[in-house]
Amino acid sequence: MVSGYRPPDRDDDREADVLGTYLEDVRDRLDGERFEVLVRAVQSTCALLEEGDRTVLEVPGDHGLAPDLQREYLSLMAVMITGHLDHHLIEVAAPDGGKGWAVVENTVDLTGREP
């Protein structure tokens, strides 16, 4: 499985359950080789984070990750870091004219006020 960076102050049982379920879903969607490429990219990022590099600006192996794997990578990292699934990806335009992705957390205003 994916090992590495663990955010502080998380309920490990809940996080492991969410991450495990999410990884099973990803494995079902991807063939074995593509799943392994994804896991290696995530492990590379986790190694950087464990070394104290809190700013990761590029997807490791970005040049070899197909756009759909880049989306999977970002979603998986979001689940690992937050421990929950309530996020979504939006496509953004890069300054060079390319396309990228941003992870946006779903938020709910529990006060009932308009934003």
PDB file of N, CA and C in Angstrom:
ATOM      1  N   MET A   1       0.837  -1.187   0.000  1.00  0.00           N
ATOM      2  CA  MET A   1       0.000   0.000   0.000  1.00  0.00           C
ATOM      3  C   MET A   1       0.879   1.248   0.000  1.00  0.00           C
ATOM      4  N   VAL A   2       0.236   2.377   0.056  1.00  0.00           N
ATOM      5  CA  VAL A   2       0.957   3.639   0.051  1.00  0.00           C
ATOM      6  C   VAL A   2       1.404   3.938   1.467  1.00  0.00           C
ATOM      7  N   SER A   3       2.685   4.238   1.620  1.00  0.00           N
ATOM      8  CA  SER A   3       3.176   4.591   2.943  1.00  0.00           C
ATOM      9  C   SER A   3       3.752   5.988   2.866  1.00  0.00           C
ATOM     10  N   GLY A   4       3.944   6.578   4.011  1.00  0.00           N
ATOM     11  CA  GLY A   4       4.598   7.871   4.003  1.00  0.00           C
ATOM     12  C   GLY A   4       3.938   8.881   4.894  1.00  0.00           C
ATOM     13  N   TYR A   5       3.871  10.079   4.422  1.00  0.00           N
ATOM     14  CA  TYR A   5       3.443  11.240   5.188  1.00  0.00           C
ATOM     15  C   TYR A   5       2.116  10.998   5.885  1.00  0.00           C
ATOM     16  N   ARG A   6       2.087  11.310   7.154  1.00  0.00           N
ATOM     17  CA  ARG A   6       0.848  11.265   7.930  1.00  0.00           C
ATOM     18  C   ARG A   6       0.633  12.632   8.536  1.00  0.00           C
ATOM     19  N   PRO A   7      -0.528  13.242   8.283  1.00  0.00           N
ATOM     20  CA  PRO A   7      -0.795  14.540   8.891  1.00  0.00           C
ATOM     21  C   PRO A   7      -0.894  14.401  10.402  1.00  0.00           C
ATOM     22  N   PRO A   8      -0.544  15.436  11.131  1.00  0.00           N
ATOM     23  CA  PRO A   8      -0.601  15.362  12.582  1.00  0.00           C
ATOM     24  C   PRO A   8      -2.038  15.323  13.092  1.00  0.00           C
ATOM     25  N   ASP A   9      -2.202  14.752  14.283  1.00  0.00           N
ATOM     26  CA  ASP A   9      -3.475  14.772  15.011  1.00  0.00           C
ATOM     27  C   ASP A   9      -4.631  14.179  14.220  1.00  0.00           C
ATOM     28  N   ARG A  10      -4.429  13.041  13.608  1.00  0.00           N
ATOM     29  CA  ARG A  10      -5.494  12.358  12.868  1.00  0.00           C
ATOM     30  C   ARG A  10      -5.940  11.127  13.636  1.00  0.00           C
ATOM     31  N   ASP A  11      -7.186  10.769  13.483  1.00  0.00           N
ATOM     32  CA  ASP A  11      -7.700   9.520  14.015  1.00  0.00           C
ATOM     33  C   ASP A  11      -7.260   8.435  13.037  1.00  0.00           C
ATOM     34  N   ASP A  12      -6.183   7.704  13.374  1.00  0.00           N
ATOM     35  CA  ASP A  12      -5.568   6.761  12.447  1.00  0.00           C
ATOM     36  C   ASP A  12      -6.519   5.687  11.952  1.00  0.00           C
ATOM     37  N   ASP A  13      -7.421   5.177  12.812  1.00  0.00           N
ATOM     38  CA  ASP A  13      -8.348   4.142  12.368  1.00  0.00           C
ATOM     39  C   ASP A  13      -9.295   4.667  11.303  1.00  0.00           C
ATOM     40  N   ARG A  14      -9.856   5.847  11.533  1.00  0.00           N
ATOM     41  CA  ARG A  14     -10.783   6.445  10.568  1.00  0.00           C
ATOM     42  C   ARG A  14     -10.053   6.755   9.278  1.00  0.00           C
ATOM     43  N   GLU A  15      -8.859   7.332   9.389  1.00  0.00           N
ATOM     44  CA  GLU A  15      -8.081   7.698   8.204  1.00  0.00           C
ATOM     45  C   GLU A  15      -7.700   6.458   7.411  1.00  0.00           C
ATOM     46  N   ALA A  16      -7.247   5.416   8.090  1.00  0.00           N
ATOM     47  CA  ALA A  16      -6.857   4.187   7.404  1.00  0.00           C
ATOM     48  C   ALA A  16      -8.050   3.579   6.682  1.00  0.00           C
ATOM     49  N   ASP A  17      -9.238   3.614   7.287  1.00  0.00           N
ATOM     50  CA  ASP A  17     -10.433   3.076   6.671  1.00  0.00           C
ATOM     51  C   ASP A  17     -10.783   3.848   5.401  1.00  0.00           C
ATOM     52  N   VAL A  18     -10.765   5.174   5.474  1.00  0.00           N
ATOM     53  CA  VAL A  18     -11.079   6.007   4.314  1.00  0.00           C
ATOM     54  C   VAL A  18     -10.034   5.794   3.228  1.00  0.00           C
ATOM     55  N   LEU A  19      -8.770   5.830   3.587  1.00  0.00           N
ATOM     56  CA  LEU A  19      -7.698   5.659   2.608  1.00  0.00           C
ATOM     57  C   LEU A  19      -7.738   4.267   1.997  1.00  0.00           C
ATOM     58  N   GLY A  20      -7.931   3.244   2.816  1.00  0.00           N
ATOM     59  CA  GLY A  20      -7.983   1.878   2.298  1.00  0.00           C
ATOM     60  C   GLY A  20      -9.119   1.682   1.311  1.00  0.00           C
ATOM     61  N   THR A  21     -10.282   2.181   1.659  1.00  0.00           N
ATOM     62  CA  THR A  21     -11.440   2.091   0.769  1.00  0.00           C
ATOM     63  C   THR A  21     -11.189   2.851  -0.524  1.00  0.00           C
ATOM     64  N   TYR A  22     -10.608   4.047  -0.399  1.00  0.00           N
ATOM     65  CA  TYR A  22     -10.324   4.860  -1.586  1.00  0.00           C
ATOM     66  C   TYR A  22      -9.317   4.151  -2.487  1.00  0.00           C
ATOM     67  N   LEU A  23      -8.248   3.578  -1.901  1.00  0.00           N
ATOM     68  CA  LEU A  23      -7.244   2.870  -2.694  1.00  0.00           C
ATOM     69  C   LEU A  23      -7.837   1.667  -3.420  1.00  0.00           C
ATOM     70  N   GLU A  24      -8.737   0.938  -2.760  1.00  0.00           N
ATOM     71  CA  GLU A  24      -9.405  -0.184  -3.414  1.00  0.00           C
ATOM     72  C   GLU A  24     -10.200   0.290  -4.620  1.00  0.00           C
ATOM     73  N   ASP A  25     -10.886   1.415  -4.478  1.00  0.00           N
ATOM     74  CA  ASP A  25     -11.654   1.986  -5.583  1.00  0.00           C
ATOM     75  C   ASP A  25     -10.735   2.388  -6.738  1.00  0.00           C
ATOM     76  N   VAL A  26      -9.618   3.024  -6.416  1.00  0.00           N
ATOM     77  CA  VAL A  26      -8.656   3.434  -7.455  1.00  0.00           C
ATOM     78  C   VAL A  26      -8.093   2.200  -8.157  1.00  0.00           C
ATOM     79  N   ARG A  27      -7.742   1.184  -7.390  1.00  0.00           N
ATOM     80  CA  ARG A  27      -7.186  -0.045  -7.979  1.00  0.00           C
ATOM     81  C   ARG A  27      -8.194  -0.683  -8.929  1.00  0.00           C
ATOM     82  N   ASP A  28      -9.479  -0.633  -8.584  1.00  0.00           N
ATOM     83  CA  ASP A  28     -10.518  -1.184  -9.453  1.00  0.00           C
ATOM     84  C   ASP A  28     -10.655  -0.392 -10.751  1.00  0.00           C
ATOM     85  N   ARG A  29     -10.393   0.914 -10.707  1.00  0.00           N
ATOM     86  CA  ARG A  29     -10.534   1.766 -11.887  1.00  0.00           C
ATOM     87  C   ARG A  29      -9.321   1.691 -12.818  1.00  0.00           C
ATOM     88  N   LEU A  30      -8.157   1.411 -12.269  1.00  0.00           N
ATOM     89  CA  LEU A  30      -6.924   1.424 -13.054  1.00  0.00           C
ATOM     90  C   LEU A  30      -6.391   0.011 -13.252  1.00  0.00           C
ATOM     91  N   ASP A  31      -5.693  -0.206 -14.380  1.00  0.00           N
ATOM     92  CA  ASP A  31      -5.036  -1.500 -14.532  1.00  0.00           C
ATOM     93  C   ASP A  31      -3.812  -1.544 -13.618  1.00  0.00           C
ATOM     94  N   GLY A  32      -3.251  -2.707 -13.427  1.00  0.00           N
ATOM     95  CA  GLY A  32      -2.161  -2.905 -12.483  1.00  0.00           C
ATOM     96  C   GLY A  32      -0.966  -1.995 -12.700  1.00  0.00           C
ATOM     97  N   GLU A  33      -0.530  -1.844 -13.944  1.00  0.00           N
ATOM     98  CA  GLU A  33       0.643  -1.018 -14.234  1.00  0.00           C
ATOM     99  C   GLU A  33       0.382   0.458 -13.942  1.00  0.00           C
ATOM    100  N   ARG A  34      -0.771   0.948 -14.336  1.00  0.00           N
ATOM    101  CA  ARG A  34      -1.101   2.358 -14.093  1.00  0.00           C
ATOM    102  C   ARG A  34      -1.266   2.623 -12.601  1.00  0.00           C
ATOM    103  N   PHE A  35      -1.815   1.659 -11.865  1.00  0.00           N
ATOM    104  CA  PHE A  35      -1.946   1.803 -10.417  1.00  0.00           C
ATOM    105  C   PHE A  35      -0.560   1.883  -9.776  1.00  0.00           C
ATOM    106  N   GLU A  36       0.365   1.058 -10.226  1.00  0.00           N
ATOM    107  CA  GLU A  36       1.730   1.075  -9.682  1.00  0.00           C
ATOM    108  C   GLU A  36       2.428   2.402  -9.983  1.00  0.00           C
ATOM    109  N   VAL A  37       2.234   2.957 -11.167  1.00  0.00           N
ATOM    110  CA  VAL A  37       2.814   4.265 -11.507  1.00  0.00           C
ATOM    111  C   VAL A  37       2.271   5.322 -10.545  1.00  0.00           C
ATOM    112  N   LEU A  38       0.977   5.281 -10.298  1.00  0.00           N
ATOM    113  CA  LEU A  38       0.343   6.227  -9.380  1.00  0.00           C
ATOM    114  C   LEU A  38       0.913   6.086  -7.964  1.00  0.00           C
ATOM    115  N   VAL A  39       1.021   4.866  -7.491  1.00  0.00           N
ATOM    116  CA  VAL A  39       1.535   4.623  -6.145  1.00  0.00           C
ATOM    117  C   VAL A  39       2.983   5.113  -6.030  1.00  0.00           C
ATOM    118  N   ARG A  40       3.803   4.875  -7.042  1.00  0.00           N
ATOM    119  CA  ARG A  40       5.201   5.350  -7.006  1.00  0.00           C
ATOM    120  C   ARG A  40       5.265   6.872  -6.953  1.00  0.00           C
ATOM    121  N   ALA A  41       4.404   7.553  -7.689  1.00  0.00           N
ATOM    122  CA  ALA A  41       4.385   9.024  -7.648  1.00  0.00           C
ATOM    123  C   ALA A  41       3.997   9.520  -6.258  1.00  0.00           C
ATOM    124  N   VAL A  42       3.003   8.892  -5.650  1.00  0.00           N
ATOM    125  CA  VAL A  42       2.569   9.280  -4.310  1.00  0.00           C
ATOM    126  C   VAL A  42       3.670   8.980  -3.295  1.00  0.00           C
ATOM    127  N   GLN A  43       4.324   7.832  -3.411  1.00  0.00           N
ATOM    128  CA  GLN A  43       5.413   7.494  -2.498  1.00  0.00           C
ATOM    129  C   GLN A  43       6.563   8.494  -2.614  1.00  0.00           C
ATOM    130  N   SER A  44       6.860   8.945  -3.830  1.00  0.00           N
ATOM    131  CA  SER A  44       7.911   9.958  -4.022  1.00  0.00           C
ATOM    132  C   SER A  44       7.552  11.250  -3.299  1.00  0.00           C
ATOM    133  N   THR A  45       6.303  11.661  -3.397  1.00  0.00           N
ATOM    134  CA  THR A  45       5.854  12.873  -2.714  1.00  0.00           C
ATOM    135  C   THR A  45       5.922  12.684  -1.201  1.00  0.00           C
ATOM    136  N   CYS A  46       5.497  11.532  -0.722  1.00  0.00           N
ATOM    137  CA  CYS A  46       5.541  11.258   0.717  1.00  0.00           C
ATOM    138  C   CYS A  46       6.979  11.313   1.229  1.00  0.00           C
ATOM    139  N   ALA A  47       7.920  10.806   0.442  1.00  0.00           N
ATOM    140  CA  ALA A  47       9.329  10.863   0.847  1.00  0.00           C
ATOM    141  C   ALA A  47       9.790  12.309   0.964  1.00  0.00           C
ATOM    142  N   LEU A  48       9.383  13.155   0.026  1.00  0.00           N
ATOM    143  CA  LEU A  48       9.740  14.577   0.102  1.00  0.00           C
ATOM    144  C   LEU A  48       9.136  15.225   1.339  1.00  0.00           C
ATOM    145  N   LEU A  49       7.892  14.905   1.626  1.00  0.00           N
ATOM    146  CA  LEU A  49       7.224  15.473   2.791  1.00  0.00           C
ATOM    147  C   LEU A  49       7.860  14.992   4.089  1.00  0.00           C
ATOM    148  N   GLU A  50       8.262  13.728   4.131  1.00  0.00           N
ATOM    149  CA  GLU A  50       8.914  13.190   5.326  1.00  0.00           C
ATOM    150  C   GLU A  50      10.260  13.859   5.579  1.00  0.00           C
ATOM    151  N   GLU A  51      10.907  14.297   4.499  1.00  0.00           N
ATOM    152  CA  GLU A  51      12.193  14.988   4.622  1.00  0.00           C
ATOM    153  C   GLU A  51      12.006  16.443   5.035  1.00  0.00           C
ATOM    154  N   GLY A  52      10.775  16.856   5.202  1.00  0.00           N
ATOM    155  CA  GLY A  52      10.507  18.222   5.644  1.00  0.00           C
ATOM    156  C   GLY A  52      10.249  19.193   4.510  1.00  0.00           C
ATOM    157  N   ASP A  53      10.166  18.708   3.282  1.00  0.00           N
ATOM    158  CA  ASP A  53       9.893  19.570   2.138  1.00  0.00           C
ATOM    159  C   ASP A  53       8.385  19.749   2.024  1.00  0.00           C
ATOM    160  N   ARG A  54       7.851  20.745   2.725  1.00  0.00           N
ATOM    161  CA  ARG A  54       6.405  20.978   2.769  1.00  0.00           C
ATOM    162  C   ARG A  54       5.865  21.596   1.480  1.00  0.00           C
ATOM    163  N   THR A  55       6.735  22.101   0.635  1.00  0.00           N
ATOM    164  CA  THR A  55       6.303  22.709  -0.611  1.00  0.00           C
ATOM    165  C   THR A  55       6.674  21.800  -1.766  1.00  0.00           C
ATOM    166  N   VAL A  56       5.694  21.116  -2.299  1.00  0.00           N
ATOM    167  CA  VAL A  56       5.897  20.242  -3.445  1.00  0.00           C
ATOM    168  C   VAL A  56       5.157  20.893  -4.606  1.00  0.00           C
ATOM    169  N   LEU A  57       5.917  21.459  -5.529  1.00  0.00           N
ATOM    170  CA  LEU A  57       5.301  22.217  -6.608  1.00  0.00           C
ATOM    171  C   LEU A  57       5.020  21.381  -7.847  1.00  0.00           C
ATOM    172  N   GLU A  58       5.659  20.253  -7.972  1.00  0.00           N
ATOM    173  CA  GLU A  58       5.457  19.434  -9.151  1.00  0.00           C
ATOM    174  C   GLU A  58       5.049  18.033  -8.738  1.00  0.00           C
ATOM    175  N   VAL A  59       4.252  17.417  -9.582  1.00  0.00           N
ATOM    176  CA  VAL A  59       3.902  16.025  -9.385  1.00  0.00           C
ATOM    177  C   VAL A  59       5.140  15.214  -9.741  1.00  0.00           C
ATOM    178  N   PRO A  60       5.668  14.377  -8.828  1.00  0.00           N
ATOM    179  CA  PRO A  60       6.827  13.562  -9.193  1.00  0.00           C
ATOM    180  C   PRO A  60       6.510  12.718 -10.416  1.00  0.00           C
ATOM    181  N   GLY A  61       7.397  12.728 -11.376  1.00  0.00           N
ATOM    182  CA  GLY A  61       7.167  11.976 -12.597  1.00  0.00           C
ATOM    183  C   GLY A  61       6.091  12.586 -13.464  1.00  0.00           C
ATOM    184  N   ASP A  62       5.806  13.873 -13.259  1.00  0.00           N
ATOM    185  CA  ASP A  62       4.722  14.567 -13.961  1.00  0.00           C
ATOM    186  C   ASP A  62       4.793  14.354 -15.467  1.00  0.00           C
ATOM    187  N   HIS A  63       6.001  14.339 -15.998  1.00  0.00           N
ATOM    188  CA  HIS A  63       6.141  14.216 -17.450  1.00  0.00           C
ATOM    189  C   HIS A  63       5.658  12.856 -17.954  1.00  0.00           C
ATOM    190  N   GLY A  64       5.626  11.850 -17.075  1.00  0.00           N
ATOM    191  CA  GLY A  64       5.173  10.536 -17.481  1.00  0.00           C
ATOM    192  C   GLY A  64       3.761  10.212 -17.051  1.00  0.00           C
ATOM    193  N   LEU A  65       3.139  11.095 -16.271  1.00  0.00           N
ATOM    194  CA  LEU A  65       1.781  10.828 -15.818  1.00  0.00           C
ATOM    195  C   LEU A  65       0.775  11.393 -16.814  1.00  0.00           C
ATOM    196  N   ALA A  66      -0.084  10.517 -17.287  1.00  0.00           N
ATOM    197  CA  ALA A  66      -1.165  10.956 -18.171  1.00  0.00           C
ATOM    198  C   ALA A  66      -2.099  11.857 -17.376  1.00  0.00           C
ATOM    199  N   PRO A  67      -2.843  12.736 -18.052  1.00  0.00           N
ATOM    200  CA  PRO A  67      -3.750  13.651 -17.340  1.00  0.00           C
ATOM    201  C   PRO A  67      -4.702  12.959 -16.362  1.00  0.00           C
ATOM    202  N   ASP A  68      -5.234  11.798 -16.733  1.00  0.00           N
ATOM    203  CA  ASP A  68      -6.138  11.113 -15.806  1.00  0.00           C
ATOM    204  C   ASP A  68      -5.387  10.612 -14.572  1.00  0.00           C
ATOM    205  N   LEU A  69      -4.110  10.233 -14.717  1.00  0.00           N
ATOM    206  CA  LEU A  69      -3.325   9.823 -13.560  1.00  0.00           C
ATOM    207  C   LEU A  69      -2.933  11.020 -12.704  1.00  0.00           C
ATOM    208  N   GLN A  70      -2.748  12.179 -13.330  1.00  0.00           N
ATOM    209  CA  GLN A  70      -2.493  13.388 -12.551  1.00  0.00           C
ATOM    210  C   GLN A  70      -3.693  13.695 -11.659  1.00  0.00           C
ATOM    211  N   ARG A  71      -4.885  13.544 -12.197  1.00  0.00           N
ATOM    212  CA  ARG A  71      -6.110  13.750 -11.397  1.00  0.00           C
ATOM    213  C   ARG A  71      -6.179  12.745 -10.257  1.00  0.00           C
ATOM    214  N   GLU A  72      -5.892  11.476 -10.558  1.00  0.00           N
ATOM    215  CA  GLU A  72      -5.916  10.438  -9.524  1.00  0.00           C
ATOM    216  C   GLU A  72      -4.882  10.739  -8.442  1.00  0.00           C
ATOM    217  N   TYR A  73      -3.693  11.194  -8.864  1.00  0.00           N
ATOM    218  CA  TYR A  73      -2.626  11.544  -7.925  1.00  0.00           C
ATOM    219  C   TYR A  73      -3.092  12.638  -6.967  1.00  0.00           C
ATOM    220  N   LEU A  74      -3.642  13.698  -7.511  1.00  0.00           N
ATOM    221  CA  LEU A  74      -4.100  14.805  -6.662  1.00  0.00           C
ATOM    222  C   LEU A  74      -5.216  14.377  -5.724  1.00  0.00           C
ATOM    223  N   SER A  75      -6.146  13.594  -6.219  1.00  0.00           N
ATOM    224  CA  SER A  75      -7.236  13.108  -5.362  1.00  0.00           C
ATOM    225  C   SER A  75      -6.700  12.223  -4.244  1.00  0.00           C
ATOM    226  N   LEU A  76      -5.785  11.330  -4.587  1.00  0.00           N
ATOM    227  CA  LEU A  76      -5.214  10.433  -3.584  1.00  0.00           C
ATOM    228  C   LEU A  76      -4.433  11.210  -2.530  1.00  0.00           C
ATOM    229  N   MET A  77      -3.640  12.196  -2.962  1.00  0.00           N
ATOM    230  CA  MET A  77      -2.905  13.016  -2.002  1.00  0.00           C
ATOM    231  C   MET A  77      -3.868  13.772  -1.089  1.00  0.00           C
ATOM    232  N   ALA A  78      -4.962  14.279  -1.645  1.00  0.00           N
ATOM    233  CA  ALA A  78      -5.946  14.998  -0.830  1.00  0.00           C
ATOM    234  C   ALA A  78      -6.553  14.079   0.224  1.00  0.00           C
ATOM    235  N   VAL A  79      -6.869  12.843  -0.156  1.00  0.00           N
ATOM    236  CA  VAL A  79      -7.430  11.888   0.796  1.00  0.00           C
ATOM    237  C   VAL A  79      -6.394  11.556   1.872  1.00  0.00           C
ATOM    238  N   MET A  80      -5.151  11.348   1.475  1.00  0.00           N
ATOM    239  CA  MET A  80      -4.104  11.020   2.446  1.00  0.00           C
ATOM    240  C   MET A  80      -3.871  12.168   3.427  1.00  0.00           C
ATOM    241  N   ILE A  81      -3.867  13.384   2.939  1.00  0.00           N
ATOM    242  CA  ILE A  81      -3.551  14.528   3.788  1.00  0.00           C
ATOM    243  C   ILE A  81      -4.720  14.911   4.691  1.00  0.00           C
ATOM    244  N   THR A  82      -5.931  14.874   4.141  1.00  0.00           N
ATOM    245  CA  THR A  82      -7.092  15.314   4.923  1.00  0.00           C
ATOM    246  C   THR A  82      -7.757  14.189   5.694  1.00  0.00           C
ATOM    247  N   GLY A  83      -7.630  12.960   5.195  1.00  0.00           N
ATOM    248  CA  GLY A  83      -8.300  11.837   5.836  1.00  0.00           C
ATOM    249  C   GLY A  83      -9.775  11.740   5.511  1.00  0.00           C
ATOM    250  N   HIS A  84     -10.236  12.520   4.535  1.00  0.00           N
ATOM    251  CA  HIS A  84     -11.644  12.425   4.143  1.00  0.00           C
ATOM    252  C   HIS A  84     -11.783  12.617   2.637  1.00  0.00           C
ATOM    253  N   LEU A  85     -12.997  12.388   2.147  1.00  0.00           N
ATOM    254  CA  LEU A  85     -13.254  12.380   0.708  1.00  0.00           C
ATOM    255  C   LEU A  85     -13.970  13.622   0.190  1.00  0.00           C
ATOM    256  N   ASP A  86     -14.267  14.578   1.061  1.00  0.00           N
ATOM    257  CA  ASP A  86     -15.087  15.705   0.618  1.00  0.00           C
ATOM    258  C   ASP A  86     -14.243  16.812  -0.020  1.00  0.00           C
ATOM    259  N   HIS A  87     -13.786  16.500  -1.224  1.00  0.00           N
ATOM    260  CA  HIS A  87     -13.050  17.456  -2.046  1.00  0.00           C
ATOM    261  C   HIS A  87     -13.405  17.152  -3.510  1.00  0.00           C
ATOM    262  N   HIS A  88     -13.074  18.070  -4.369  1.00  0.00           N
ATOM    263  CA  HIS A  88     -13.226  17.815  -5.797  1.00  0.00           C
ATOM    264  C   HIS A  88     -12.111  18.539  -6.538  1.00  0.00           C
ATOM    265  N   LEU A  89     -11.921  18.153  -7.786  1.00  0.00           N
ATOM    266  CA  LEU A  89     -10.883  18.756  -8.611  1.00  0.00           C
ATOM    267  C   LEU A  89     -11.519  19.696  -9.614  1.00  0.00           C
ATOM    268  N   ILE A  90     -10.847  20.820  -9.826  1.00  0.00           N
ATOM    269  CA  ILE A  90     -11.285  21.722 -10.889  1.00  0.00           C
ATOM    270  C   ILE A  90     -10.107  21.932 -11.832  1.00  0.00           C
ATOM    271  N   GLU A  91     -10.421  22.053 -13.090  1.00  0.00           N
ATOM    272  CA  GLU A  91      -9.395  22.288 -14.096  1.00  0.00           C
ATOM    273  C   GLU A  91      -9.057  23.773 -14.108  1.00  0.00           C
ATOM    274  N   VAL A  92      -7.771  24.081 -14.148  1.00  0.00           N
ATOM    275  CA  VAL A  92      -7.318  25.467 -14.182  1.00  0.00           C
ATOM    276  C   VAL A  92      -6.349  25.642 -15.344  1.00  0.00           C
ATOM    277  N   ALA A  93      -6.319  26.847 -15.880  1.00  0.00           N
ATOM    278  CA  ALA A  93      -5.398  27.166 -16.966  1.00  0.00           C
ATOM    279  C   ALA A  93      -4.062  27.599 -16.378  1.00  0.00           C
ATOM    280  N   ALA A  94      -2.999  27.071 -16.909  1.00  0.00           N
ATOM    281  CA  ALA A  94      -1.651  27.440 -16.481  1.00  0.00           C
ATOM    282  C   ALA A  94      -1.202  28.671 -17.268  1.00  0.00           C
ATOM    283  N   PRO A  95      -0.263  29.440 -16.727  1.00  0.00           N
ATOM    284  CA  PRO A  95       0.222  30.635 -17.428  1.00  0.00           C
ATOM    285  C   PRO A  95       0.779  30.343 -18.820  1.00  0.00           C
ATOM    286  N   ASP A  96       1.307  29.137 -19.017  1.00  0.00           N
ATOM    287  CA  ASP A  96       1.881  28.786 -20.316  1.00  0.00           C
ATOM    288  C   ASP A  96       0.840  28.279 -21.311  1.00  0.00           C
ATOM    289  N   GLY A  97      -0.432  28.336 -20.920  1.00  0.00           N
ATOM    290  CA  GLY A  97      -1.503  27.884 -21.802  1.00  0.00           C
ATOM    291  C   GLY A  97      -1.901  26.440 -21.579  1.00  0.00           C
ATOM    292  N   GLY A  98      -1.136  25.728 -20.774  1.00  0.00           N
ATOM    293  CA  GLY A  98      -1.474  24.348 -20.466  1.00  0.00           C
ATOM    294  C   GLY A  98      -2.612  24.281 -19.473  1.00  0.00           C
ATOM    295  N   LYS A  99      -2.966  23.070 -19.110  1.00  0.00           N
ATOM    296  CA  LYS A  99      -4.041  22.862 -18.144  1.00  0.00           C
ATOM    297  C   LYS A  99      -3.489  22.134 -16.938  1.00  0.00           C
ATOM    298  N   GLY A 100      -4.067  22.420 -15.801  1.00  0.00           N
ATOM    299  CA  GLY A 100      -3.698  21.758 -14.567  1.00  0.00           C
ATOM    300  C   GLY A 100      -4.929  21.524 -13.737  1.00  0.00           C
ATOM    301  N   TRP A 101      -4.711  21.086 -12.505  1.00  0.00           N
ATOM    302  CA  TRP A 101      -5.820  20.760 -11.614  1.00  0.00           C
ATOM    303  C   TRP A 101      -5.585  21.383 -10.256  1.00  0.00           C
ATOM    304  N   ALA A 102      -6.656  21.780  -9.631  1.00  0.00           N
ATOM    305  CA  ALA A 102      -6.614  22.283  -8.258  1.00  0.00           C
ATOM    306  C   ALA A 102      -7.578  21.444  -7.426  1.00  0.00           C
ATOM    307  N   VAL A 103      -7.152  21.116  -6.217  1.00  0.00           N
ATOM    308  CA  VAL A 103      -8.003  20.383  -5.292  1.00  0.00           C
ATOM    309  C   VAL A 103      -8.734  21.403  -4.444  1.00  0.00           C
ATOM    310  N   VAL A 104     -10.056  21.294  -4.424  1.00  0.00           N
ATOM    311  CA  VAL A 104     -10.882  22.233  -3.680  1.00  0.00           C
ATOM    312  C   VAL A 104     -11.694  21.428  -2.667  1.00  0.00           C
ATOM    313  N   GLU A 105     -11.609  21.856  -1.426  1.00  0.00           N
ATOM    314  CA  GLU A 105     -12.365  21.179  -0.382  1.00  0.00           C
ATOM    315  C   GLU A 105     -13.820  21.623  -0.452  1.00  0.00           C
ATOM    316  N   ASN A 106     -14.716  20.653  -0.383  1.00  0.00           N
ATOM    317  CA  ASN A 106     -16.139  20.985  -0.304  1.00  0.00           C
ATOM    318  C   ASN A 106     -16.394  21.559   1.076  1.00  0.00           C
ATOM    319  N   THR A 107     -17.050  22.685   1.128  1.00  0.00           N
ATOM    320  CA  THR A 107     -17.356  23.292   2.416  1.00  0.00           C
ATOM    321  C   THR A 107     -18.846  23.548   2.514  1.00  0.00           C
ATOM    322  N   VAL A 108     -19.327  23.473   3.719  1.00  0.00           N
ATOM    323  CA  VAL A 108     -20.738  23.713   3.984  1.00  0.00           C
ATOM    324  C   VAL A 108     -20.796  24.758   5.096  1.00  0.00           C
ATOM    325  N   ASP A 109     -21.595  25.786   4.870  1.00  0.00           N
ATOM    326  CA  ASP A 109     -21.797  26.796   5.901  1.00  0.00           C
ATOM    327  C   ASP A 109     -22.889  26.283   6.839  1.00  0.00           C
ATOM    328  N   LEU A 110     -22.462  25.856   8.028  1.00  0.00           N
ATOM    329  CA  LEU A 110     -23.417  25.279   8.970  1.00  0.00           C
ATOM    330  C   LEU A 110     -24.257  26.326   9.691  1.00  0.00           C
ATOM    331  N   THR A 111     -23.926  27.611   9.489  1.00  0.00           N
ATOM    332  CA  THR A 111     -24.699  28.665  10.142  1.00  0.00           C
ATOM    333  C   THR A 111     -25.959  28.995   9.370  1.00  0.00           C
ATOM    334  N   GLY A 112     -26.034  28.562   8.102  1.00  0.00           N
ATOM    335  CA  GLY A 112     -27.203  28.857   7.286  1.00  0.00           C
ATOM    336  C   GLY A 112     -27.148  30.224   6.626  1.00  0.00           C
ATOM    337  N   ARG A 113     -26.039  30.949   6.803  1.00  0.00           N
ATOM    338  CA  ARG A 113     -25.915  32.274   6.192  1.00  0.00           C
ATOM    339  C   ARG A 113     -25.502  32.146   4.731  1.00  0.00           C
ATOM    340  N   GLU A 114     -25.880  33.124   3.966  1.00  0.00           N
ATOM    341  CA  GLU A 114     -25.464  33.194   2.575  1.00  0.00           C
ATOM    342  C   GLU A 114     -23.985  33.550   2.537  1.00  0.00           C
ATOM    343  N   PRO A 115     -23.233  32.977   1.571  1.00  0.00           N
ATOM    344  CA  PRO A 115     -21.799  33.316   1.478  1.00  0.00           C
ATOM    345  C   PRO A 115     -21.565  34.736   1.050  1.00  0.00           C
TER     346      PRO A 115
END
